[in-house]
Amino acid sequence: MRIMFWNTHRNKTINEYIVSLVMDYDIDIFIMAEYNADEIELDRLLKKYYLKHSACFTGGCNGMSIWSNYENMKSGPHDTHYSIQVVNDKYILCCVHLISDAYGDMSDERHKNMREIVYEIQQFEKEVISKNTIIIGDFNEAPYDKGCLSADGFHGLPALTIKDRPNRKVGSTEYRKFYNPMWNFMGDFSYPPGTYYLNRSKLYLPMWYIVDQVVLSQDILPLFKKESLKIITSCSYSDLRDKNDHPDKKISDHFPIVCEIKDK
């Protein structure tokens, strides 16, 4: 099960790029945030290349578009910033686009939203009778930021194995652990060092950000193909980089990410 997420930056001419990525990387499920193109045209392009993806119901999740080639896709809880889907009655896919800091520091509000999402996931896991959970999307913060790392947020740790204790105790409260493999992309040991680039006149600024992320439950780790996780910078249709090797804002100001779960 190959999954792609991309914040498409409200680009109304993005569909050709999407279809090219789906074909190049053999994508089964693709999720777009800030999608503002023509879904009818996208459907026509997919059919043109004999791709069997169809749109999923996303409720009131603003600007989120989810497409899958799985026949067994069921819609779960939705809200403004997330849409939960069930794949083949056993995988819980939570697609998110959390509030940004574009108009001021919204870290507390994001943290609150993450707590709510984790609660919804845990309640829904009981209904589905599965803890094979994937959270993917534009978190609008880095793996080391408050909501992503806090035990009462996504609790996305940089290292977690199936043998580790599933919870971590803080005071008298137990918090469930999740694994965030996106920590591995930080720094310049490999390119690109992030999914989003921003340079502005501030003293504290990494410039490259990993805001587009995938976070996994401990139960699904044996099915996660680590080598499949990639930040994508090009497709057959076009390079997605500008002349400075940053995301080309004429296409999108974010790079897509891809991961794979072995469908047992």
C-alpha atoms as a PDB file:
ATOM      1  CA  MET A   1       0.000   0.000   0.000  1.00  0.00           C
ATOM      2  CA  ARG A   2       1.869   3.041  -1.286  1.00  0.00           C
ATOM      3  CA  ILE A   3       0.656   6.373   0.074  1.00  0.00           C
ATOM      4  CA  MET A   4       1.480   9.895  -1.094  1.00  0.00           C
ATOM      5  CA  PHE A   5       0.744  13.218   0.579  1.00  0.00           C
ATOM      6  CA  TRP A   6       1.177  16.615  -1.053  1.00  0.00           C
ATOM      7  CA  ASN A   7       0.171  20.144  -0.107  1.00  0.00           C
ATOM      8  CA  THR A   8      -0.677  21.427  -3.584  1.00  0.00           C
ATOM      9  CA  HIS A   9      -0.621  25.128  -2.657  1.00  0.00           C
ATOM     10  CA  ARG A  10      -4.045  25.911  -4.217  1.00  0.00           C
ATOM     11  CA  ASN A  11      -2.502  25.433  -7.679  1.00  0.00           C
ATOM     12  CA  LYS A  12      -5.361  25.099 -10.158  1.00  0.00           C
ATOM     13  CA  THR A  13      -3.079  23.502 -12.770  1.00  0.00           C
ATOM     14  CA  ILE A  14      -1.619  20.800 -10.491  1.00  0.00           C
ATOM     15  CA  ASN A  15      -3.481  17.766 -11.872  1.00  0.00           C
ATOM     16  CA  GLU A  16      -0.927  16.717 -14.489  1.00  0.00           C
ATOM     17  CA  TYR A  17       1.788  16.700 -11.820  1.00  0.00           C
ATOM     18  CA  ILE A  18      -0.370  14.604  -9.493  1.00  0.00           C
ATOM     19  CA  VAL A  19      -1.104  11.966 -12.123  1.00  0.00           C
ATOM     20  CA  SER A  20       2.553  11.820 -13.112  1.00  0.00           C
ATOM     21  CA  LEU A  21       3.580  11.228  -9.476  1.00  0.00           C
ATOM     22  CA  VAL A  22       0.907   8.556  -9.053  1.00  0.00           C
ATOM     23  CA  MET A  23       2.191   6.714 -12.099  1.00  0.00           C
ATOM     24  CA  ASP A  24       5.913   7.184 -11.376  1.00  0.00           C
ATOM     25  CA  TYR A  25       5.685   5.963  -7.793  1.00  0.00           C
ATOM     26  CA  ASP A  26       2.882   3.424  -8.224  1.00  0.00           C
ATOM     27  CA  ILE A  27       0.688   5.179  -5.660  1.00  0.00           C
ATOM     28  CA  ASP A  28      -2.388   3.434  -4.244  1.00  0.00           C
ATOM     29  CA  ILE A  29      -3.691   6.271  -2.058  1.00  0.00           C
ATOM     30  CA  PHE A  30      -2.910   9.939  -2.550  1.00  0.00           C
ATOM     31  CA  ILE A  31      -3.901  12.814  -0.307  1.00  0.00           C
ATOM     32  CA  MET A  32      -3.761  16.506  -1.147  1.00  0.00           C
ATOM     33  CA  ALA A  33      -4.095  19.481   1.164  1.00  0.00           C
ATOM     34  CA  GLU A  34      -4.966  22.935  -0.168  1.00  0.00           C
ATOM     35  CA  TYR A  35      -6.323  21.219  -3.267  1.00  0.00           C
ATOM     36  CA  ASN A  36      -8.031  23.797  -5.465  1.00  0.00           C
ATOM     37  CA  ALA A  37      -7.894  22.192  -8.919  1.00  0.00           C
ATOM     38  CA  ASP A  38     -10.707  20.561 -10.900  1.00  0.00           C
ATOM     39  CA  GLU A  39     -11.556  17.110  -9.501  1.00  0.00           C
ATOM     40  CA  ILE A  40     -13.530  16.247 -12.648  1.00  0.00           C
ATOM     41  CA  GLU A  41     -10.435  16.929 -14.750  1.00  0.00           C
ATOM     42  CA  LEU A  42      -8.307  14.891 -12.329  1.00  0.00           C
ATOM     43  CA  ASP A  43     -10.702  11.968 -12.603  1.00  0.00           C
ATOM     44  CA  ARG A  44     -10.588  12.206 -16.411  1.00  0.00           C
ATOM     45  CA  LEU A  45      -6.775  12.229 -16.416  1.00  0.00           C
ATOM     46  CA  LEU A  46      -6.623   9.199 -14.120  1.00  0.00           C
ATOM     47  CA  LYS A  47      -8.989   7.301 -16.406  1.00  0.00           C
ATOM     48  CA  LYS A  48      -6.982   8.372 -19.456  1.00  0.00           C
ATOM     49  CA  TYR A  49      -4.008   6.441 -18.055  1.00  0.00           C
ATOM     50  CA  TYR A  50      -6.172   3.510 -16.893  1.00  0.00           C
ATOM     51  CA  LEU A  51      -5.741   4.353 -13.223  1.00  0.00           C
ATOM     52  CA  LYS A  52      -8.582   3.174 -11.001  1.00  0.00           C
ATOM     53  CA  HIS A  53      -8.423   5.766  -8.237  1.00  0.00           C
ATOM     54  CA  SER A  54     -11.605   7.431  -7.064  1.00  0.00           C
ATOM     55  CA  ALA A  55     -12.303  10.220  -4.597  1.00  0.00           C
ATOM     56  CA  CYS A  56     -13.101   9.422  -0.956  1.00  0.00           C
ATOM     57  CA  PHE A  57     -15.575  11.262   1.237  1.00  0.00           C
ATOM     58  CA  THR A  58     -13.761  13.774   3.468  1.00  0.00           C
ATOM     59  CA  GLY A  59     -16.659  15.446   5.278  1.00  0.00           C
ATOM     60  CA  GLY A  60     -15.932  19.006   6.379  1.00  0.00           C
ATOM     61  CA  CYS A  61     -12.136  18.716   6.158  1.00  0.00           C
ATOM     62  CA  ASN A  62     -11.210  21.973   4.428  1.00  0.00           C
ATOM     63  CA  GLY A  63      -9.274  21.683   1.166  1.00  0.00           C
ATOM     64  CA  MET A  64      -8.491  17.971   1.664  1.00  0.00           C
ATOM     65  CA  SER A  65      -8.834  15.584  -1.258  1.00  0.00           C
ATOM     66  CA  ILE A  66      -8.222  11.833  -0.854  1.00  0.00           C
ATOM     67  CA  TRP A  67      -8.120   9.328  -3.724  1.00  0.00           C
ATOM     68  CA  SER A  68      -7.689   5.567  -3.563  1.00  0.00           C
ATOM     69  CA  ASN A  69      -7.564   2.558  -5.871  1.00  0.00           C
ATOM     70  CA  TYR A  70      -8.821   0.303  -3.054  1.00  0.00           C
ATOM     71  CA  GLU A  71     -12.447  -0.686  -3.376  1.00  0.00           C
ATOM     72  CA  ASN A  72     -12.770  -1.197   0.367  1.00  0.00           C
ATOM     73  CA  MET A  73     -12.397   2.354   1.687  1.00  0.00           C
ATOM     74  CA  LYS A  74     -14.690   3.500   4.475  1.00  0.00           C
ATOM     75  CA  SER A  75     -15.076   6.986   5.809  1.00  0.00           C
ATOM     76  CA  GLY A  76     -14.525   7.588   9.530  1.00  0.00           C
ATOM     77  CA  PRO A  77     -14.576  10.727  11.720  1.00  0.00           C
ATOM     78  CA  HIS A  78     -13.876  14.104  10.088  1.00  0.00           C
ATOM     79  CA  ASP A  79     -13.304  17.637  11.255  1.00  0.00           C
ATOM     80  CA  THR A  80     -11.979  20.884   9.840  1.00  0.00           C
ATOM     81  CA  HIS A  81      -8.352  19.732  10.045  1.00  0.00           C
ATOM     82  CA  TYR A  82      -8.499  15.955   9.596  1.00  0.00           C
ATOM     83  CA  SER A  83     -10.235  13.118   7.786  1.00  0.00           C
ATOM     84  CA  ILE A  84     -10.002   9.504   8.945  1.00  0.00           C
ATOM     85  CA  GLN A  85     -10.407   6.627   6.484  1.00  0.00           C
ATOM     86  CA  VAL A  86     -10.369   2.846   6.963  1.00  0.00           C
ATOM     87  CA  VAL A  87      -8.555   0.811   4.321  1.00  0.00           C
ATOM     88  CA  ASN A  88      -9.519  -2.852   3.856  1.00  0.00           C
ATOM     89  CA  ASP A  89     -11.174  -2.909   7.302  1.00  0.00           C
ATOM     90  CA  LYS A  90      -7.767  -3.007   9.036  1.00  0.00           C
ATOM     91  CA  TYR A  91      -5.715   0.147   8.402  1.00  0.00           C
ATOM     92  CA  ILE A  92      -6.687   3.489   9.935  1.00  0.00           C
ATOM     93  CA  LEU A  93      -5.478   6.372   7.778  1.00  0.00           C
ATOM     94  CA  CYS A  94      -5.719   9.788   9.413  1.00  0.00           C
ATOM     95  CA  CYS A  95      -5.084  12.594   6.909  1.00  0.00           C
ATOM     96  CA  VAL A  96      -4.362  15.982   8.471  1.00  0.00           C
ATOM     97  CA  HIS A  97      -3.803  19.597   7.553  1.00  0.00           C
ATOM     98  CA  LEU A  98      -3.248  21.480  10.785  1.00  0.00           C
ATOM     99  CA  ILE A  99      -3.477  25.206  11.365  1.00  0.00           C
ATOM    100  CA  SER A 100      -0.395  27.207  10.336  1.00  0.00           C
ATOM    101  CA  ASP A 101       1.519  30.080  11.922  1.00  0.00           C
ATOM    102  CA  ALA A 102       0.912  32.336   8.910  1.00  0.00           C
ATOM    103  CA  TYR A 103      -0.893  34.922  11.047  1.00  0.00           C
ATOM    104  CA  GLY A 104       0.857  34.376  14.376  1.00  0.00           C
ATOM    105  CA  ASP A 105       1.951  31.617  16.747  1.00  0.00           C
ATOM    106  CA  MET A 106      -0.725  28.889  16.721  1.00  0.00           C
ATOM    107  CA  SER A 107       1.342  26.157  18.413  1.00  0.00           C
ATOM    108  CA  ASP A 108      -1.021  25.856  21.388  1.00  0.00           C
ATOM    109  CA  GLU A 109      -4.024  25.533  19.095  1.00  0.00           C
ATOM    110  CA  ARG A 110      -2.225  22.884  17.007  1.00  0.00           C
ATOM    111  CA  HIS A 111      -1.272  21.002  20.151  1.00  0.00           C
ATOM    112  CA  LYS A 112      -4.909  21.021  21.264  1.00  0.00           C
ATOM    113  CA  ASN A 113      -5.955  19.785  17.827  1.00  0.00           C
ATOM    114  CA  MET A 114      -3.405  16.943  17.985  1.00  0.00           C
ATOM    115  CA  ARG A 115      -4.725  15.836  21.375  1.00  0.00           C
ATOM    116  CA  GLU A 116      -8.224  15.728  19.920  1.00  0.00           C
ATOM    117  CA  ILE A 117      -7.047  13.753  16.882  1.00  0.00           C
ATOM    118  CA  VAL A 118      -5.233  11.164  19.016  1.00  0.00           C
ATOM    119  CA  TYR A 119      -8.367  10.774  21.145  1.00  0.00           C
ATOM    120  CA  GLU A 120     -10.534  10.286  18.024  1.00  0.00           C
ATOM    121  CA  ILE A 121      -8.062   7.745  16.647  1.00  0.00           C
ATOM    122  CA  GLN A 122      -8.018   5.740  19.865  1.00  0.00           C
ATOM    123  CA  GLN A 123     -11.806   5.667  20.036  1.00  0.00           C
ATOM    124  CA  PHE A 124     -12.046   4.686  16.382  1.00  0.00           C
ATOM    125  CA  GLU A 125      -9.443   1.932  16.778  1.00  0.00           C
ATOM    126  CA  LYS A 126     -11.796   0.258  19.269  1.00  0.00           C
ATOM    127  CA  GLU A 127     -14.591   0.377  16.708  1.00  0.00           C
ATOM    128  CA  VAL A 128     -12.441  -1.005  13.871  1.00  0.00           C
ATOM    129  CA  ILE A 129     -10.645  -3.444  16.223  1.00  0.00           C
ATOM    130  CA  SER A 130      -7.274  -2.449  14.831  1.00  0.00           C
ATOM    131  CA  LYS A 131      -4.324  -0.343  15.962  1.00  0.00           C
ATOM    132  CA  ASN A 132      -2.685  -0.266  12.534  1.00  0.00           C
ATOM    133  CA  THR A 133      -2.707   3.519  12.361  1.00  0.00           C
ATOM    134  CA  ILE A 134      -1.048   5.976   9.977  1.00  0.00           C
ATOM    135  CA  ILE A 135      -1.185   9.751  10.513  1.00  0.00           C
ATOM    136  CA  ILE A 136      -0.037  11.660   7.440  1.00  0.00           C
ATOM    137  CA  GLY A 137      -0.259  15.225   6.228  1.00  0.00           C
ATOM    138  CA  ASP A 138       0.857  18.808   6.675  1.00  0.00           C
ATOM    139  CA  PHE A 139       1.390  19.198  10.419  1.00  0.00           C
ATOM    140  CA  ASN A 140       2.581  22.804  10.021  1.00  0.00           C
ATOM    141  CA  GLU A 141       5.293  22.186  12.578  1.00  0.00           C
ATOM    142  CA  ALA A 142       8.535  20.221  12.817  1.00  0.00           C
ATOM    143  CA  PRO A 143       9.047  16.796  14.446  1.00  0.00           C
ATOM    144  CA  TYR A 144      10.746  18.504  17.422  1.00  0.00           C
ATOM    145  CA  ASP A 145       7.962  21.047  17.999  1.00  0.00           C
ATOM    146  CA  LYS A 146       5.568  20.952  20.911  1.00  0.00           C
ATOM    147  CA  GLY A 147       2.524  19.197  19.462  1.00  0.00           C
ATOM    148  CA  CYS A 148       4.461  16.617  17.441  1.00  0.00           C
ATOM    149  CA  LEU A 149       6.738  15.489  20.257  1.00  0.00           C
ATOM    150  CA  SER A 150       4.711  16.094  23.435  1.00  0.00           C
ATOM    151  CA  ALA A 151       3.430  12.979  25.146  1.00  0.00           C
ATOM    152  CA  ASP A 152      -0.072  14.477  25.150  1.00  0.00           C
ATOM    153  CA  GLY A 153       0.203  15.397  21.456  1.00  0.00           C
ATOM    154  CA  PHE A 154       1.236  13.048  18.649  1.00  0.00           C
ATOM    155  CA  HIS A 155       4.132  11.772  20.802  1.00  0.00           C
ATOM    156  CA  GLY A 156       6.088  11.105  17.603  1.00  0.00           C
ATOM    157  CA  LEU A 157       9.392   9.653  18.757  1.00  0.00           C
ATOM    158  CA  PRO A 158      12.513   9.474  16.549  1.00  0.00           C
ATOM    159  CA  ALA A 159      13.094   5.832  17.511  1.00  0.00           C
ATOM    160  CA  LEU A 160      10.578   3.117  18.404  1.00  0.00           C
ATOM    161  CA  THR A 161      10.514  -0.646  17.882  1.00  0.00           C
ATOM    162  CA  ILE A 162       7.817  -3.266  18.241  1.00  0.00           C
ATOM    163  CA  LYS A 163       9.647  -4.569  21.350  1.00  0.00           C
ATOM    164  CA  ASP A 164       9.565  -1.260  23.225  1.00  0.00           C
ATOM    165  CA  ARG A 165       7.014  -0.478  25.917  1.00  0.00           C
ATOM    166  CA  PRO A 166       3.922   0.927  24.153  1.00  0.00           C
ATOM    167  CA  ASN A 167       3.430   3.737  26.670  1.00  0.00           C
ATOM    168  CA  ARG A 168       5.487   6.322  28.518  1.00  0.00           C
ATOM    169  CA  LYS A 169       4.538   7.480  31.997  1.00  0.00           C
ATOM    170  CA  VAL A 170       4.596  11.196  32.824  1.00  0.00           C
ATOM    171  CA  GLY A 171       3.640  11.740  36.439  1.00  0.00           C
ATOM    172  CA  SER A 172       0.718   9.407  37.014  1.00  0.00           C
ATOM    173  CA  THR A 173      -0.477   9.391  33.387  1.00  0.00           C
ATOM    174  CA  GLU A 174       0.409   6.839  30.695  1.00  0.00           C
ATOM    175  CA  TYR A 175       0.826   8.179  27.160  1.00  0.00           C
ATOM    176  CA  ARG A 176       0.889   6.004  24.064  1.00  0.00           C
ATOM    177  CA  LYS A 177       4.003   6.182  21.900  1.00  0.00           C
ATOM    178  CA  PHE A 178       4.023   6.775  18.149  1.00  0.00           C
ATOM    179  CA  TYR A 179       6.944   6.617  15.719  1.00  0.00           C
ATOM    180  CA  ASN A 180       7.929   9.564  13.537  1.00  0.00           C
ATOM    181  CA  PRO A 181      10.458   8.483  10.876  1.00  0.00           C
ATOM    182  CA  MET A 182      10.660  12.029   9.467  1.00  0.00           C
ATOM    183  CA  TRP A 183      13.334  12.872  12.066  1.00  0.00           C
ATOM    184  CA  ASN A 184      15.754  11.021   9.766  1.00  0.00           C
ATOM    185  CA  PHE A 185      15.487  13.672   7.021  1.00  0.00           C
ATOM    186  CA  MET A 186      16.744  16.612   9.088  1.00  0.00           C
ATOM    187  CA  GLY A 187      20.131  18.040   8.154  1.00  0.00           C
ATOM    188  CA  ASP A 188      22.199  17.844   4.990  1.00  0.00           C
ATOM    189  CA  PHE A 189      23.314  14.199   5.046  1.00  0.00           C
ATOM    190  CA  SER A 190      20.752  13.679   2.287  1.00  0.00           C
ATOM    191  CA  TYR A 191      18.803  15.937  -0.053  1.00  0.00           C
ATOM    192  CA  PRO A 192      16.365  17.510   0.470  1.00  0.00           C
ATOM    193  CA  PRO A 193      16.686  18.456   4.155  1.00  0.00           C
ATOM    194  CA  GLY A 194      12.997  19.290   4.375  1.00  0.00           C
ATOM    195  CA  THR A 195       9.656  19.483   2.583  1.00  0.00           C
ATOM    196  CA  TYR A 196       9.258  23.261   2.853  1.00  0.00           C
ATOM    197  CA  TYR A 197      11.703  26.149   2.557  1.00  0.00           C
ATOM    198  CA  LEU A 198      11.311  29.622   4.041  1.00  0.00           C
ATOM    199  CA  ASN A 199      13.930  32.320   4.508  1.00  0.00           C
ATOM    200  CA  ARG A 200      12.901  35.485   6.311  1.00  0.00           C
ATOM    201  CA  SER A 201      14.458  38.129   8.562  1.00  0.00           C
ATOM    202  CA  LYS A 202      14.416  36.296  11.892  1.00  0.00           C
ATOM    203  CA  LEU A 203      17.247  35.336  14.260  1.00  0.00           C
ATOM    204  CA  TYR A 204      15.856  31.853  15.021  1.00  0.00           C
ATOM    205  CA  LEU A 205      15.208  30.161  11.692  1.00  0.00           C
ATOM    206  CA  PRO A 206      16.157  26.708  10.281  1.00  0.00           C
ATOM    207  CA  MET A 207      15.077  27.783   6.740  1.00  0.00           C
ATOM    208  CA  TRP A 208      14.340  24.164   5.782  1.00  0.00           C
ATOM    209  CA  TYR A 209      11.321  22.643   7.546  1.00  0.00           C
ATOM    210  CA  ILE A 210       9.856  19.157   7.747  1.00  0.00           C
ATOM    211  CA  VAL A 211       6.194  20.060   8.147  1.00  0.00           C
ATOM    212  CA  ASP A 212       4.830  17.294   5.905  1.00  0.00           C
ATOM    213  CA  GLN A 213       5.103  14.127   7.944  1.00  0.00           C
ATOM    214  CA  VAL A 214       3.975  10.577   8.551  1.00  0.00           C
ATOM    215  CA  VAL A 215       3.552   9.226  12.091  1.00  0.00           C
ATOM    216  CA  LEU A 216       2.932   5.525  12.744  1.00  0.00           C
ATOM    217  CA  SER A 217       1.460   3.453  15.540  1.00  0.00           C
ATOM    218  CA  GLN A 218       3.726   0.881  17.165  1.00  0.00           C
ATOM    219  CA  ASP A 219       1.483  -1.953  15.941  1.00  0.00           C
ATOM    220  CA  ILE A 220       2.018  -1.122  12.270  1.00  0.00           C
ATOM    221  CA  LEU A 221       5.833  -0.898  12.474  1.00  0.00           C
ATOM    222  CA  PRO A 222       6.479  -4.481  11.258  1.00  0.00           C
ATOM    223  CA  LEU A 223       4.577  -3.572   8.067  1.00  0.00           C
ATOM    224  CA  PHE A 224       6.340  -0.256   7.457  1.00  0.00           C
ATOM    225  CA  LYS A 225       8.984  -0.320   4.714  1.00  0.00           C
ATOM    226  CA  LYS A 226      11.508   2.229   5.969  1.00  0.00           C
ATOM    227  CA  GLU A 227      13.356   2.430   2.667  1.00  0.00           C
ATOM    228  CA  SER A 228      10.117   3.492   0.945  1.00  0.00           C
ATOM    229  CA  LEU A 229       9.841   6.783   2.838  1.00  0.00           C
ATOM    230  CA  LYS A 230      10.901   9.578   0.522  1.00  0.00           C
ATOM    231  CA  ILE A 231      10.621  13.307  -0.023  1.00  0.00           C
ATOM    232  CA  ILE A 232       9.903  13.639  -3.743  1.00  0.00           C
ATOM    233  CA  THR A 233      11.555  16.387  -5.803  1.00  0.00           C
ATOM    234  CA  SER A 234      10.684  15.407  -9.377  1.00  0.00           C
ATOM    235  CA  CYS A 235       8.350  13.408 -11.579  1.00  0.00           C
ATOM    236  CA  SER A 236       8.220  12.461 -15.258  1.00  0.00           C
ATOM    237  CA  TYR A 237       6.047  15.471 -16.030  1.00  0.00           C
ATOM    238  CA  SER A 238       8.368  18.035 -14.457  1.00  0.00           C
ATOM    239  CA  ASP A 239      11.032  18.836 -11.905  1.00  0.00           C
ATOM    240  CA  LEU A 240       9.400  20.111  -8.701  1.00  0.00           C
ATOM    241  CA  ARG A 241      12.439  22.222  -7.751  1.00  0.00           C
ATOM    242  CA  ASP A 242      13.354  25.774  -8.649  1.00  0.00           C
ATOM    243  CA  LYS A 243      16.862  26.862  -9.704  1.00  0.00           C
ATOM    244  CA  ASN A 244      17.949  26.945  -6.038  1.00  0.00           C
ATOM    245  CA  ASP A 245      16.770  23.361  -5.401  1.00  0.00           C
ATOM    246  CA  HIS A 246      13.906  24.612  -3.247  1.00  0.00           C
ATOM    247  CA  PRO A 247      10.269  23.670  -3.898  1.00  0.00           C
ATOM    248  CA  ASP A 248       9.146  25.500  -7.047  1.00  0.00           C
ATOM    249  CA  LYS A 249       6.363  27.785  -5.810  1.00  0.00           C
ATOM    250  CA  LYS A 250       4.951  27.992  -9.326  1.00  0.00           C
ATOM    251  CA  ILE A 251       3.973  24.347  -8.761  1.00  0.00           C
ATOM    252  CA  SER A 252       3.822  24.070  -4.965  1.00  0.00           C
ATOM    253  CA  ASP A 253       5.744  25.459  -2.007  1.00  0.00           C
ATOM    254  CA  HIS A 254       5.886  21.914  -0.549  1.00  0.00           C
ATOM    255  CA  PHE A 255       7.526  18.716  -1.761  1.00  0.00           C
ATOM    256  CA  PRO A 256       5.359  15.551  -1.683  1.00  0.00           C
ATOM    257  CA  ILE A 257       6.168  12.615   0.607  1.00  0.00           C
ATOM    258  CA  VAL A 258       5.679   8.903  -0.137  1.00  0.00           C
ATOM    259  CA  CYS A 259       5.664   5.845   2.128  1.00  0.00           C
ATOM    260  CA  GLU A 260       4.695   2.186   1.868  1.00  0.00           C
ATOM    261  CA  ILE A 261       2.940  -0.235   4.212  1.00  0.00           C
ATOM    262  CA  LYS A 262       3.084  -3.952   3.414  1.00  0.00           C
ATOM    263  CA  ASP A 263      -0.558  -4.995   2.972  1.00  0.00           C
ATOM    264  CA  LYS A 264      -0.631  -8.286   4.878  1.00  0.00           C
END
